[in-house]
Protein backbone atom coordinates (compact mmCIF):
# COMPACT_ATOMS: atom_id res chain seq x y z
CA MET A 1 118.43 102.91 116.00
CA ASP A 2 115.84 102.64 118.84
CA LEU A 3 112.80 105.04 119.48
CA GLU A 4 114.44 107.12 122.07
CA GLU A 5 117.11 108.01 119.70
CA LEU A 6 114.49 109.16 117.11
CA ALA A 7 112.96 111.58 119.51
CA ASN A 8 115.82 112.92 121.60
CA THR A 9 117.13 116.32 121.93
CA GLU A 10 120.74 115.83 121.22
CA ASP A 11 122.49 116.96 118.00
CA ALA A 12 121.14 115.95 114.66
CA LYS A 13 124.11 114.11 113.76
CA SER A 14 125.32 111.06 115.73
CA ASN A 15 128.01 108.66 114.60
CA GLY A 16 127.35 109.97 111.04
CA LYS A 17 123.73 109.13 110.89
CA THR A 18 120.96 111.57 111.03
CA VAL A 19 118.28 111.09 113.67
CA ILE A 20 115.03 112.75 114.35
CA THR A 21 115.47 115.67 116.94
CA ALA A 22 112.91 117.80 118.69
CA THR A 23 113.05 121.63 119.19
CA SER A 24 112.00 121.60 122.62
CA SER A 25 111.56 119.09 125.54
CA GLY A 26 107.67 119.36 125.03
CA ASP A 27 108.10 118.40 121.33
CA ALA A 28 110.37 115.52 122.26
CA ALA A 29 107.82 114.22 124.57
CA ASP A 30 105.19 114.40 121.92
CA VAL A 31 107.35 112.69 119.25
CA ASN A 32 108.52 109.88 121.67
CA HIS A 33 104.72 109.33 122.67
CA ALA A 34 103.45 109.30 118.98
CA ILE A 35 106.23 106.79 118.05
CA GLU A 36 105.58 104.39 120.79
CA THR A 37 101.92 104.58 120.11
CA GLU A 38 102.45 103.91 116.35
CA HIS A 39 104.48 100.80 117.33
CA THR A 40 102.03 99.48 119.92
CA LEU A 41 98.70 100.10 117.87
CA GLY A 42 97.28 96.87 116.55
CA PHE A 43 95.35 96.81 113.18
CA TRP A 44 91.89 96.42 114.50
CA GLN A 45 92.54 98.89 117.40
CA ALA A 46 93.86 101.41 114.59
CA VAL A 47 90.61 100.61 112.36
CA HIS A 48 88.62 101.43 115.56
CA LEU A 49 90.42 104.65 116.43
CA HIS A 50 90.79 105.94 112.76
CA PRO A 51 87.69 104.92 110.79
CA GLN A 52 87.53 108.19 109.04
CA ALA A 53 90.94 107.56 107.76
CA VAL A 54 90.01 104.09 106.29
CA GLY A 55 87.01 105.43 104.76
CA TRP A 56 88.70 108.41 102.90
CA SER A 57 91.69 106.49 101.86
CA VAL A 58 89.24 104.10 100.09
CA PHE A 59 87.34 107.10 98.78
CA PHE A 60 90.31 108.31 96.95
CA SER A 61 91.24 104.95 95.68
CA LEU A 62 88.13 105.05 93.44
CA GLY A 63 90.29 106.81 91.09
CA ILE A 64 92.26 103.73 90.62
CA THR A 65 89.22 101.89 89.60
CA MET A 66 88.67 104.41 86.86
CA CYS A 67 92.34 104.11 85.84
CA ALA A 68 91.91 100.32 85.61
CA PHE A 69 88.46 100.24 83.88
CA ASP A 70 89.23 102.35 80.85
CA PRO A 71 92.12 100.50 79.20
CA GLN A 72 90.67 97.05 80.04
CA LEU A 73 87.47 98.14 78.41
CA MET A 74 89.15 99.28 75.42
CA GLY A 75 90.85 95.82 75.06
CA GLN A 76 87.56 93.90 75.61
CA LEU A 77 85.66 96.14 72.92
CA TYR A 78 87.79 94.94 70.12
CA ALA A 79 85.85 91.56 69.97
CA VAL A 80 82.16 93.21 70.13
CA PRO A 81 80.52 92.95 66.87
CA ALA A 82 78.77 96.35 67.20
CA PHE A 83 82.17 97.91 68.01
CA GLN A 84 83.65 96.40 64.89
CA ARG A 85 80.95 97.30 62.56
CA ASP A 86 80.85 101.05 63.74
CA PHE A 87 84.64 101.61 63.85
CA GLY A 88 85.92 99.00 61.18
CA HIS A 89 85.46 98.27 57.65
CA LYS A 90 83.97 95.37 55.79
CA PHE A 91 86.12 92.30 55.39
CA LYS A 92 84.60 88.97 54.00
CA ASP A 93 81.51 88.14 56.13
CA GLY A 94 82.38 90.54 58.93
CA TYR A 95 84.06 93.72 59.88
CA ILE A 96 87.64 94.31 60.97
CA ILE A 97 89.45 96.93 62.50
CA PRO A 98 93.02 97.83 61.05
CA ALA A 99 95.88 96.31 63.34
CA SER A 100 97.59 99.72 63.31
CA TRP A 101 94.43 101.47 64.76
CA LEU A 102 94.11 98.54 67.35
CA THR A 103 97.61 99.25 68.34
CA GLY A 104 97.16 102.98 68.45
CA LEU A 105 93.86 102.77 70.62
CA SER A 106 95.68 100.22 72.96
CA MET A 107 98.53 102.62 73.41
CA GLY A 108 96.54 105.77 73.74
CA SER A 109 95.66 105.38 77.36
CA PRO A 110 99.15 103.99 78.55
CA LEU A 111 101.00 106.67 76.72
CA GLY A 112 99.00 109.33 78.18
CA GLN A 113 99.32 107.81 81.85
CA VAL A 114 103.28 108.05 81.48
CA VAL A 115 102.95 111.76 80.87
CA GLY A 116 100.03 112.19 83.30
CA ALA A 117 101.81 110.47 86.20
CA LEU A 118 104.91 112.64 85.87
CA ALA A 119 102.54 115.70 85.62
CA ALA A 120 100.71 114.81 88.81
CA GLY A 121 103.72 115.46 91.04
CA TYR A 122 103.62 119.23 90.40
CA PRO A 123 100.02 120.17 91.19
CA MET A 124 99.93 117.68 94.15
CA GLU A 125 102.68 119.73 95.78
CA TRP A 126 101.42 123.20 94.82
CA TYR A 127 97.77 122.84 95.47
CA GLY A 128 97.52 119.65 97.58
CA ARG A 129 96.14 116.09 97.12
CA LYS A 130 92.55 117.02 97.37
CA LYS A 131 92.23 119.90 94.74
CA THR A 132 94.42 117.93 92.28
CA PHE A 133 92.14 114.99 92.75
CA GLY A 134 88.96 117.08 92.23
CA THR A 135 90.34 118.84 89.22
CA CYS A 136 91.46 115.51 87.69
CA VAL A 137 87.96 113.95 88.13
CA LEU A 138 86.19 116.99 86.38
CA LEU A 139 88.60 116.46 83.34
CA THR A 140 87.92 112.76 83.51
CA ALA A 141 84.07 113.61 83.49
CA SER A 142 84.60 115.83 80.51
CA ILE A 143 86.85 113.66 78.55
CA ILE A 144 84.17 110.61 78.76
CA PHE A 145 81.97 112.75 76.67
CA ILE A 146 84.51 112.35 73.74
CA GLN A 147 84.50 108.49 74.31
CA PHE A 148 80.71 108.27 74.68
CA PHE A 149 79.84 110.41 71.43
CA ALA A 150 82.80 108.94 69.29
CA ARG A 151 81.84 107.52 66.29
CA SER A 152 85.31 107.60 64.25
CA LEU A 153 88.64 105.89 65.18
CA HIS A 154 90.26 109.47 65.07
CA VAL A 155 87.91 110.87 67.80
CA LEU A 156 88.00 107.71 69.92
CA LEU A 157 91.92 107.79 69.76
CA ALA A 158 91.93 111.29 71.01
CA GLY A 159 89.56 110.45 73.88
CA GLU A 160 91.84 107.63 74.75
CA LEU A 161 94.87 109.80 74.88
CA LEU A 162 93.57 112.72 76.72
CA GLY A 163 91.78 110.10 79.24
CA GLY A 164 95.10 108.46 79.84
CA LEU A 165 96.71 111.81 80.64
CA VAL A 166 94.24 112.22 83.48
CA LEU A 167 93.98 108.64 84.58
CA GLY A 168 97.93 108.48 85.14
CA THR A 169 97.38 111.03 87.96
CA TYR A 170 95.09 108.81 89.97
CA ALA A 171 97.74 106.10 90.12
CA VAL A 172 100.06 108.72 91.86
CA ILE A 173 97.34 110.43 94.14
CA ALA A 174 95.65 107.45 95.77
CA PRO A 175 98.71 105.77 97.29
CA ALA A 176 100.41 108.94 98.29
CA TYR A 177 97.06 110.03 100.06
CA ALA A 178 96.51 106.60 101.62
CA SER A 179 100.10 106.54 103.18
CA GLU A 180 99.65 110.05 104.45
CA VAL A 181 96.34 109.99 106.38
CA CYS A 182 96.51 106.53 108.01
CA PRO A 183 98.55 105.32 110.99
CA LEU A 184 101.42 102.80 110.70
CA ALA A 185 99.30 99.80 111.60
CA LEU A 186 96.97 100.60 108.57
CA ARG A 187 99.62 101.77 106.01
CA GLY A 188 100.28 98.46 104.62
CA VAL A 189 96.54 97.37 103.89
CA LEU A 190 95.45 100.70 102.73
CA THR A 191 98.31 101.28 100.20
CA SER A 192 97.88 97.76 98.92
CA TYR A 193 94.19 98.28 98.52
CA VAL A 194 95.18 100.17 95.41
CA ASN A 195 95.92 96.89 93.76
CA LEU A 196 92.47 95.57 94.73
CA CYS A 197 91.03 98.65 92.92
CA PHE A 198 93.07 97.90 89.80
CA VAL A 199 91.93 94.31 89.63
CA GLY A 200 88.33 95.39 90.55
CA GLY A 201 88.42 97.86 87.71
CA GLN A 202 89.61 95.28 85.39
CA LEU A 203 86.86 92.76 86.51
CA LEU A 204 84.10 95.19 86.11
CA ALA A 205 85.04 96.26 82.76
CA THR A 206 85.29 92.77 81.70
CA GLY A 207 81.82 91.83 83.14
CA VAL A 208 80.22 94.98 81.64
CA THR A 209 81.52 94.11 78.35
CA ALA A 210 80.25 90.63 78.59
CA ALA A 211 76.76 91.88 79.56
CA THR A 212 76.55 94.26 76.71
CA GLN A 213 78.43 92.48 73.82
CA LYS A 214 75.47 90.98 72.39
CA LEU A 215 73.66 94.28 71.69
CA ASP A 216 73.11 95.26 68.12
CA SER A 217 73.25 98.98 68.67
CA HIS A 218 75.97 101.49 69.74
CA TRP A 219 74.92 100.83 73.14
CA ALA A 220 77.15 97.67 73.18
CA TYR A 221 80.14 100.07 73.45
CA SER A 222 78.41 103.37 74.55
CA GLY A 223 76.82 101.62 77.55
CA PRO A 224 80.36 100.85 79.17
CA PHE A 225 81.68 104.19 78.30
CA ALA A 226 78.63 105.85 80.01
CA LEU A 227 79.25 103.77 83.14
CA GLN A 228 82.43 105.66 83.72
CA TRP A 229 80.48 108.81 84.69
CA LEU A 230 79.42 106.70 87.80
CA TRP A 231 82.72 107.31 89.66
CA PRO A 232 83.14 111.21 89.06
CA ILE A 233 79.34 111.79 90.51
CA ILE A 234 80.18 109.62 93.49
CA ILE A 235 83.65 111.39 93.92
CA LEU A 236 82.44 115.10 93.20
CA ALA A 237 79.50 114.45 95.67
CA GLY A 238 81.81 113.38 98.51
CA LEU A 239 84.91 115.46 97.95
CA PRO A 240 84.07 118.64 99.55
CA TRP A 241 84.07 116.90 102.89
CA ALA A 242 87.36 115.24 102.50
CA PRO A 243 90.30 116.10 104.77
CA GLU A 244 93.46 117.28 103.08
CA SER A 245 96.63 115.42 103.69
CA PRO A 246 98.07 116.66 107.08
CA TRP A 247 101.59 116.04 105.71
CA TRP A 248 101.06 118.37 102.70
CA LEU A 249 99.42 120.91 105.11
CA ALA A 250 102.30 120.94 107.45
CA ARG A 251 104.89 121.20 104.67
CA MET A 252 102.95 124.48 103.57
CA GLY A 253 103.35 125.71 107.35
CA ARG A 254 99.54 125.47 107.79
CA MET A 255 99.85 123.82 111.21
CA ASP A 256 96.11 124.60 112.38
CA ASP A 257 94.80 122.99 109.33
CA ALA A 258 97.15 120.18 109.55
CA GLU A 259 96.00 119.55 113.16
CA ASN A 260 92.29 119.80 112.16
CA SER A 261 92.88 117.30 109.32
CA LEU A 262 94.33 114.86 111.85
CA LYS A 263 91.36 115.34 113.93
CA ARG A 264 88.90 114.70 111.09
CA LEU A 265 90.94 111.36 110.45
CA ALA A 266 90.31 110.06 113.83
CA ARG A 267 87.84 109.60 116.62
CA GLY A 268 87.41 112.64 119.04
CA SER A 269 89.12 110.72 121.86
CA VAL A 270 92.43 110.46 119.93
CA ASP A 271 95.02 113.21 120.99
CA VAL A 272 96.61 114.28 117.48
CA LYS A 273 99.20 116.56 118.77
CA PRO A 274 101.83 113.94 119.19
CA ALA A 275 101.12 112.92 115.57
CA LEU A 276 101.46 116.52 114.28
CA ALA A 277 104.84 116.71 116.35
CA VAL A 278 106.16 113.86 114.35
CA ILE A 279 105.11 115.16 111.14
CA VAL A 280 106.88 118.57 111.74
CA GLU A 281 109.95 116.86 113.07
CA THR A 282 110.36 114.55 110.12
CA ASP A 283 109.91 117.23 107.64
CA ARG A 284 112.45 119.32 109.43
CA ILE A 285 114.98 116.60 109.44
CA GLU A 286 114.33 115.76 105.86
CA GLN A 287 115.20 119.47 105.29
CA GLU A 288 118.45 119.10 107.02
CA MET A 289 119.23 116.04 105.09
CA GLU A 290 118.75 118.26 102.17
CA SER A 291 116.56 115.62 100.46
CA GLY A 292 114.83 118.04 98.43
CA SER A 293 111.34 118.08 96.77
CA THR A 294 112.01 118.23 93.05
CA TYR A 295 112.38 115.47 90.37
CA ARG A 296 115.98 116.34 90.19
CA ALA A 297 116.25 115.66 93.86
CA LEU A 298 115.29 111.94 93.22
CA PHE A 299 118.93 111.35 91.89
CA LYS A 300 120.63 113.26 94.67
CA LYS A 301 123.00 110.97 96.74
CA VAL A 302 120.68 111.04 99.77
CA ASN A 303 117.69 109.74 97.73
CA ARG A 304 119.28 107.73 94.99
CA ARG A 305 118.73 104.29 96.55
CA ARG A 306 115.34 105.19 97.55
CA THR A 307 114.68 106.09 93.90
CA GLU A 308 116.23 102.86 92.71
CA ILE A 309 114.20 100.66 94.94
CA ALA A 310 110.73 102.38 94.23
CA VAL A 311 111.30 102.10 90.48
CA GLY A 312 112.76 98.50 90.84
CA VAL A 313 109.81 96.97 92.74
CA TYR A 314 107.30 98.64 90.54
CA SER A 315 109.12 97.63 87.38
CA THR A 316 109.18 93.99 88.60
CA GLN A 317 105.50 93.93 88.23
CA VAL A 318 106.15 94.09 84.43
CA LEU A 319 109.33 92.13 84.39
CA SER A 320 107.65 89.10 86.31
CA GLY A 321 105.48 88.63 83.30
CA ILE A 322 102.12 90.17 84.12
CA TYR A 323 101.51 91.27 80.64
CA ILE A 324 101.52 87.60 79.44
CA LEU A 325 98.19 87.42 80.90
CA GLY A 326 96.78 89.41 77.84
CA PHE A 327 97.33 86.02 75.99
CA ALA A 328 95.52 84.13 78.51
CA THR A 329 92.53 83.75 76.06
CA TYR A 330 94.90 82.37 73.36
CA PHE A 331 96.03 79.57 75.82
CA PHE A 332 92.24 78.91 76.85
CA GLU A 333 91.41 78.38 73.16
CA LEU A 334 94.33 76.15 72.55
CA ALA A 335 93.06 74.02 75.48
CA GLY A 336 89.91 73.40 73.56
CA LEU A 337 87.60 76.08 74.80
CA SER A 338 85.52 78.04 72.35
CA SER A 339 85.68 81.75 72.14
CA ASP A 340 82.48 81.93 74.08
CA GLN A 341 83.82 79.69 76.77
CA ALA A 342 87.33 81.49 76.74
CA PHE A 343 85.69 84.92 77.50
CA PRO A 344 84.02 83.71 80.74
CA MET A 345 87.33 82.02 81.73
CA SER A 346 89.12 85.31 81.41
CA ILE A 347 86.72 86.93 83.87
CA GLY A 348 87.48 84.03 86.14
CA LEU A 349 91.13 84.81 85.75
CA THR A 350 90.56 88.35 86.88
CA ALA A 351 88.47 87.25 89.70
CA LEU A 352 91.11 85.02 90.88
CA GLY A 353 93.39 88.03 90.92
CA PHE A 354 90.83 89.75 93.01
CA LEU A 355 90.71 87.05 95.55
CA GLY A 356 94.33 86.78 95.68
CA THR A 357 94.63 90.64 96.65
CA LEU A 358 92.07 90.07 99.32
CA PHE A 359 94.22 87.14 100.93
CA SER A 360 97.32 89.40 100.52
CA PHE A 361 95.77 91.59 103.23
CA ILE A 362 96.47 88.87 105.78
CA LEU A 363 99.92 88.17 104.49
CA ILE A 364 100.69 91.73 104.79
CA GLN A 365 99.91 91.64 108.59
CA HIS A 366 102.36 89.03 109.20
CA LEU A 367 105.27 89.08 106.87
CA GLY A 368 107.51 91.94 105.89
CA ARG A 369 107.54 93.89 102.72
CA ARG A 370 110.89 92.73 101.60
CA THR A 371 109.73 89.15 102.32
CA ILE A 372 106.62 89.24 100.42
CA PHE A 373 108.38 90.80 97.54
CA LEU A 374 110.97 87.95 97.36
CA LEU A 375 108.26 85.26 98.22
CA GLY A 376 106.21 86.31 95.20
CA LEU A 377 109.39 85.95 92.91
CA VAL A 378 109.88 82.34 94.39
CA LEU A 379 106.28 81.33 93.67
CA ILE A 380 106.31 82.76 90.07
CA LEU A 381 109.62 81.30 88.95
CA PRO A 382 108.39 77.64 88.70
CA LEU A 383 105.22 78.52 87.11
CA HIS A 384 107.36 80.34 84.19
CA LEU A 385 109.62 77.31 83.89
CA LEU A 386 106.90 74.91 83.62
CA LEU A 387 105.17 76.98 81.10
CA GLY A 388 108.17 76.81 79.05
CA ILE A 389 108.87 73.34 79.42
CA LEU A 390 105.39 72.20 78.57
CA SER A 391 105.50 74.24 75.33
CA SER A 392 108.85 72.50 74.50
CA VAL A 393 107.43 69.03 74.75
CA PRO A 394 106.85 67.71 71.24
CA THR A 395 103.27 66.99 70.53
CA PRO A 396 102.07 64.19 68.20
CA SER A 397 100.58 65.52 64.91
CA SER A 398 97.21 64.04 64.59
CA SER A 399 93.67 65.17 63.69
CA ASN A 400 92.87 65.20 67.36
CA PRO A 401 95.76 66.42 69.09
CA SER A 402 95.90 66.15 73.12
CA LYS A 403 94.65 69.07 74.99
CA SER A 404 96.36 68.12 78.28
CA ILE A 405 99.23 70.47 77.85
CA PRO A 406 97.29 73.67 76.70
CA LEU A 407 95.02 73.00 79.76
CA THR A 408 97.92 72.63 82.03
CA GLN A 409 99.27 75.82 80.63
CA SER A 410 95.92 77.64 81.25
CA THR A 411 96.16 76.53 84.67
CA LEU A 412 99.55 77.91 85.19
CA LEU A 413 98.30 81.21 84.01
CA LEU A 414 95.61 81.05 86.68
CA LEU A 415 98.07 80.20 89.52
CA TYR A 416 100.44 82.99 88.30
CA ASN A 417 97.56 85.47 88.43
CA LEU A 418 96.69 84.30 92.00
CA SER A 419 100.43 84.26 93.06
CA TYR A 420 101.06 87.75 91.68
CA ASN A 421 98.23 89.53 93.42
CA LEU A 422 99.00 87.73 96.51
CA THR A 423 102.52 89.14 96.68
CA LEU A 424 104.06 91.34 93.95
CA GLY A 425 100.99 93.21 93.02
CA PRO A 426 99.99 94.65 96.38
CA VAL A 427 103.52 94.88 98.03
CA ALA A 428 104.77 97.11 95.17
CA PHE A 429 102.23 99.78 96.17
CA ILE A 430 103.22 99.56 99.71
CA LEU A 431 107.02 99.93 99.00
CA ILE A 432 106.70 103.03 96.73
CA THR A 433 104.76 104.88 99.51
CA GLU A 434 107.01 103.67 102.46
CA ILE A 435 110.58 104.00 100.90
CA PRO A 436 110.50 107.62 99.76
CA SER A 437 110.88 110.72 102.01
CA SER A 438 107.88 112.56 102.87
CA ALA A 439 108.83 115.49 100.78
CA LEU A 440 109.51 113.42 97.70
CA ARG A 441 106.77 110.88 98.15
CA SER A 442 104.42 112.17 95.36
CA LYS A 443 107.30 112.60 93.01
CA THR A 444 108.81 109.34 93.63
CA ILE A 445 105.41 107.42 93.16
CA ALA A 446 104.87 109.56 89.88
CA PHE A 447 108.34 108.67 88.54
CA SER A 448 108.03 105.10 89.48
CA THR A 449 104.71 104.85 87.83
CA ALA A 450 105.99 106.58 84.69
CA CYS A 451 108.81 104.09 84.36
CA GLN A 452 106.75 101.08 85.03
CA ALA A 453 104.09 102.36 82.39
CA ALA A 454 106.78 102.92 79.83
CA LEU A 455 108.16 99.55 80.54
CA GLY A 456 104.62 98.20 80.14
CA ILE A 457 104.36 99.77 76.69
CA GLY A 458 107.58 98.08 75.62
CA MET A 459 106.42 94.59 76.86
CA THR A 460 103.06 95.11 75.02
CA PHE A 461 104.88 95.60 71.64
CA LEU A 462 107.64 92.94 72.65
CA ILE A 463 105.46 89.90 73.86
CA PRO A 464 103.31 89.62 70.54
CA VAL A 465 106.62 89.49 68.64
CA LEU A 466 108.02 86.81 70.73
CA VAL A 467 104.75 84.62 71.10
CA ASN A 468 103.20 84.74 67.59
CA PRO A 469 104.31 82.28 64.78
CA SER A 470 104.77 85.38 62.57
CA GLY A 471 107.67 86.45 64.97
CA ALA A 472 109.86 84.51 67.03
CA GLY A 473 107.16 81.70 67.56
CA LEU A 474 108.06 81.02 71.19
CA LYS A 475 104.35 80.50 72.16
CA GLY A 476 104.58 79.17 75.77
CA ARG A 477 108.30 79.13 75.69
CA ILE A 478 108.20 82.74 76.51
CA GLY A 479 108.05 81.38 80.12
CA PHE A 480 111.94 80.88 79.90
CA VAL A 481 112.34 84.52 79.05
CA PHE A 482 110.32 85.68 82.18
CA ALA A 483 111.95 83.12 84.26
CA GLY A 484 115.19 84.72 83.58
CA LEU A 485 114.05 87.92 84.27
CA VAL A 486 112.35 86.70 87.49
CA VAL A 487 115.83 85.44 88.68
CA GLY A 488 117.34 88.81 87.81
CA CYS A 489 114.76 90.63 89.96
CA ALA A 490 115.29 88.26 92.70
CA VAL A 491 118.95 88.57 92.75
CA TRP A 492 118.56 92.56 92.82
CA GLY A 493 115.78 92.44 95.52
CA TRP A 494 117.75 90.35 97.81
CA GLY A 495 120.62 92.73 97.78
CA ARG A 496 118.96 96.28 97.40
CA VAL A 497 115.41 96.20 98.86
CA VAL A 498 115.33 97.02 102.51
CA GLU A 499 112.51 96.15 105.02
CA THR A 500 110.01 99.10 105.85
CA LYS A 501 107.19 97.02 107.65
CA GLY A 502 106.67 98.55 111.13
CA ARG A 503 108.97 101.64 110.70
CA THR A 504 107.66 105.08 110.78
CA VAL A 505 108.49 107.65 108.17
CA GLY A 506 111.38 109.09 110.46
CA GLU A 507 112.81 105.68 111.11
CA VAL A 508 112.83 105.07 107.32
CA ASP A 509 114.66 108.31 106.75
CA ALA A 510 117.15 107.41 109.49
CA LEU A 511 117.63 103.93 107.87
CA PHE A 512 118.75 105.42 104.49
CA GLU A 513 120.78 108.11 106.16
CA GLY A 514 122.64 105.34 107.89
CA ALA A 515 123.01 103.48 104.76
CA ARG A 516 124.74 106.46 102.73
């Protein structure tokens, strides 16, 4: 389907396919002009013309940093002596926190995020992205008080669970807002920037804990908790000046506000009327397609494949083995590193993921989304196979066994994290924003996020059972399990994931309407 078909004034149905039409010749000209501009605009030209869109997209993504910081921090605090002393009980020469409480604290935030992600879809449609974001930030700032002043496991668990409920909303708001305020040329980088914020939040939490872990007072853990107030302060200071999503405003019938929002997202020399015409026409066609805007609509025939792809690519992050990185320190210590050495190595592992995401921005400009998704699986598959093979090699029993195999396995984990954050990590955030219809974008992201988080919770319980000697005792042979899952994801992705790079929202609508 070419650009002219997407903006013509013929009937809405042509050869059984829905196309974007216009209600007048003037509208048709605006739509046609806007689509042509979207396709011809280069990345750096788009940055020059829409610097405000870049800035506000990055601003809203600060919520993702908070979302990543808290659960990573909780995991790091378990090894902090002051935390063990204040929240655990005496055991031999030290202190220990019961395993049941460790599980509860680790699950508090993820469980909350499942519910929070699903709940986010409603206020985002009722009150807009901006008000929902501001309300959630206020709630986060309040809940941090619970974590900061907690001196018992019960109170801390309550803080983690309540915090997770709110943190789950940021994983929905940030990518939805980024995809709705930026032009086509910037959409890939700004939505994948969410992955950089996830890695950045994890890196910051690990680094802060490393800096405070030797303190003998409650500030060893209260300090990192207090740092979380930094983001609400920054966000609440800047949010009053943030423009609302023009897509949401247009769907609410607030056309003047939508036009004003588009003007605030671009330089004064940019004519925003054609862009507004595209938004209006896209929304009208989606209504004609009866795509709907409720969670139930996600499973209507017109949206079913879109929902499948969004959930599938996001869940592939978990199925590809990302949760095995939680055992990175285990492999580092097997390789002969002391606990003090393994901890900085874990920071290096996260930093490598940060670097991979930065390089992914270059990849996104040159390769399609589907291509990057499949490439990531191809890169990760041999790493899992090697991990499993190395663990299957018999090792000589001696008082000084070779460390070469554990060292190689540690290297494989480093390469995995680099490959993942170069491909699967960032591209999933692009696809979950580009695949849905505009009316269902927030709810598709919310549902996909909840499914991915629920799958992650299951994997958190499953991996220790498979790896530990007290369970299945697979150790590194778990790589064979994930290799099988990666093959399954690749077969599914080859047959079901469509290419969205370079396609406007209307063109993606037409693509799926034609595929029904």
